[in-house]
Amino acid sequence: MEYGARIGIIPPQYANYRQNYMCVFDIECLETDYHGKREGMDQNIEKEQKLASLAVGSNLPGTTPAFFCRKSSKPEDGQVLIDQFIKYIDDVHEKLQEELPA
């Protein structure tokens, strides 16, 4: 930030701003044998990772940790899990925007 302020990209009053908040996640997958097409892929692929669950949390005030678990192996249930995760991240981002200096 200090460098950006020094070269005029960032307003000088933000030169010492430090990001105090973070958001972290953990993804869990199940490994299965790969049976799909291999055209255009590395021929050494033997296994594939299938999304099982995501846990996410932030130290941003007003947020609580969340855990999202896939209900079944159906593709649409994988999409539901991803949608829930992205919504959480979007909500955290919105709260972060409120915390940033104007």
Protein backbone atom coordinates (compact mmCIF):
# COMPACT_ATOMS: atom_id res chain seq x y z
CA MET A 1 0.00 0.00 0.00
CA GLU A 2 2.81 2.36 0.89
CA TYR A 3 4.40 1.90 -2.53
CA GLY A 4 1.07 2.52 -4.27
CA ALA A 5 0.63 5.75 -2.29
CA ARG A 6 4.19 6.81 -3.04
CA ILE A 7 3.75 6.46 -6.81
CA GLY A 8 0.30 8.08 -6.74
CA ILE A 9 -1.96 5.09 -7.37
CA ILE A 10 -3.43 5.02 -3.85
CA PRO A 11 -4.50 8.11 -1.86
CA PRO A 12 -1.80 8.96 0.74
CA GLN A 13 -4.17 8.55 3.71
CA TYR A 14 -4.37 4.81 2.93
CA ALA A 15 -0.61 4.21 2.80
CA ASN A 16 -0.61 2.40 6.15
CA TYR A 17 -3.94 0.56 5.76
CA ARG A 18 -3.75 -3.11 6.71
CA GLN A 19 -6.30 -5.78 5.92
CA ASN A 20 -7.28 -7.34 9.25
CA TYR A 21 -9.90 -9.76 8.00
CA MET A 22 -9.69 -13.03 6.14
CA CYS A 23 -11.94 -15.74 4.84
CA VAL A 24 -10.72 -19.33 4.64
CA PHE A 25 -12.22 -22.54 3.34
CA ASP A 26 -11.58 -26.26 3.30
CA ILE A 27 -12.76 -28.51 0.51
CA GLU A 28 -13.21 -32.25 0.90
CA CYS A 29 -13.43 -34.58 -2.08
CA LEU A 30 -13.88 -38.29 -2.62
CA GLU A 31 -11.43 -39.98 -4.93
CA THR A 32 -12.83 -42.40 -7.50
CA ASP A 33 -11.48 -44.21 -10.53
CA TYR A 34 -11.57 -42.08 -13.68
CA HIS A 35 -13.72 -43.58 -16.43
CA GLY A 36 -14.33 -40.55 -18.67
CA LYS A 37 -12.98 -39.61 -22.07
CA ARG A 38 -9.26 -38.93 -22.14
CA GLU A 39 -9.03 -37.01 -25.42
CA GLY A 40 -6.94 -33.90 -24.89
CA MET A 41 -6.02 -34.97 -21.37
CA ASP A 42 -2.94 -36.37 -19.70
CA GLN A 43 -3.05 -40.13 -20.28
CA ASN A 44 -1.78 -40.80 -16.74
CA ILE A 45 -5.05 -39.76 -15.09
CA GLU A 46 -6.25 -42.67 -12.99
CA LYS A 47 -8.43 -40.97 -10.35
CA GLU A 48 -10.82 -38.05 -10.19
CA GLN A 49 -11.89 -35.89 -7.27
CA LYS A 50 -15.62 -35.57 -6.58
CA LEU A 51 -16.70 -32.67 -4.40
CA ALA A 52 -18.17 -33.85 -1.08
CA SER A 53 -18.23 -30.83 1.25
CA LEU A 54 -16.99 -27.31 1.88
CA ALA A 55 -16.37 -25.55 5.19
CA VAL A 56 -15.82 -21.80 5.27
CA GLY A 57 -15.28 -19.15 7.90
CA SER A 58 -14.15 -15.58 8.40
CA ASN A 59 -12.94 -13.38 11.24
CA LEU A 60 -15.01 -10.52 9.85
CA PRO A 61 -17.49 -9.23 12.47
CA GLY A 62 -21.03 -10.41 11.84
CA THR A 63 -20.08 -13.65 10.11
CA THR A 64 -20.35 -17.22 11.36
CA PRO A 65 -18.61 -20.32 10.01
CA ALA A 66 -20.59 -22.52 7.63
CA PHE A 67 -20.45 -26.12 6.48
CA PHE A 68 -21.99 -27.28 3.21
CA CYS A 69 -22.34 -30.98 2.42
CA ARG A 70 -23.45 -32.55 -0.82
CA LYS A 71 -26.73 -34.44 -0.38
CA SER A 72 -26.07 -37.00 -3.10
CA SER A 73 -23.82 -37.79 -6.06
CA LYS A 74 -26.28 -36.15 -8.47
CA PRO A 75 -24.68 -33.30 -10.42
CA GLU A 76 -27.44 -30.89 -9.36
CA ASP A 77 -26.58 -31.50 -5.69
CA GLY A 78 -22.98 -30.56 -6.43
CA GLN A 79 -24.24 -27.35 -7.99
CA VAL A 80 -26.38 -26.61 -4.90
CA LEU A 81 -23.28 -26.98 -2.71
CA ILE A 82 -21.28 -24.61 -4.92
CA ASP A 83 -24.15 -22.10 -5.00
CA GLN A 84 -24.35 -22.11 -1.19
CA PHE A 85 -20.59 -21.58 -0.93
CA ILE A 86 -20.58 -18.72 -3.45
CA LYS A 87 -23.49 -17.04 -1.64
CA TYR A 88 -21.54 -17.21 1.64
CA ILE A 89 -18.47 -15.70 -0.03
CA ASP A 90 -20.60 -12.96 -1.61
CA ASP A 91 -22.16 -12.16 1.78
CA VAL A 92 -18.71 -11.93 3.40
CA HIS A 93 -17.54 -9.69 0.57
CA GLU A 94 -20.53 -7.40 1.09
CA LYS A 95 -19.77 -7.13 4.82
CA LEU A 96 -16.10 -6.47 4.04
CA GLN A 97 -17.07 -3.59 1.74
CA GLU A 98 -18.86 -1.99 4.70
CA GLU A 99 -15.68 -2.25 6.82
CA LEU A 100 -13.32 -0.70 4.29
CA PRO A 101 -12.40 2.96 4.67
CA ALA A 102 -14.34 5.30 2.39
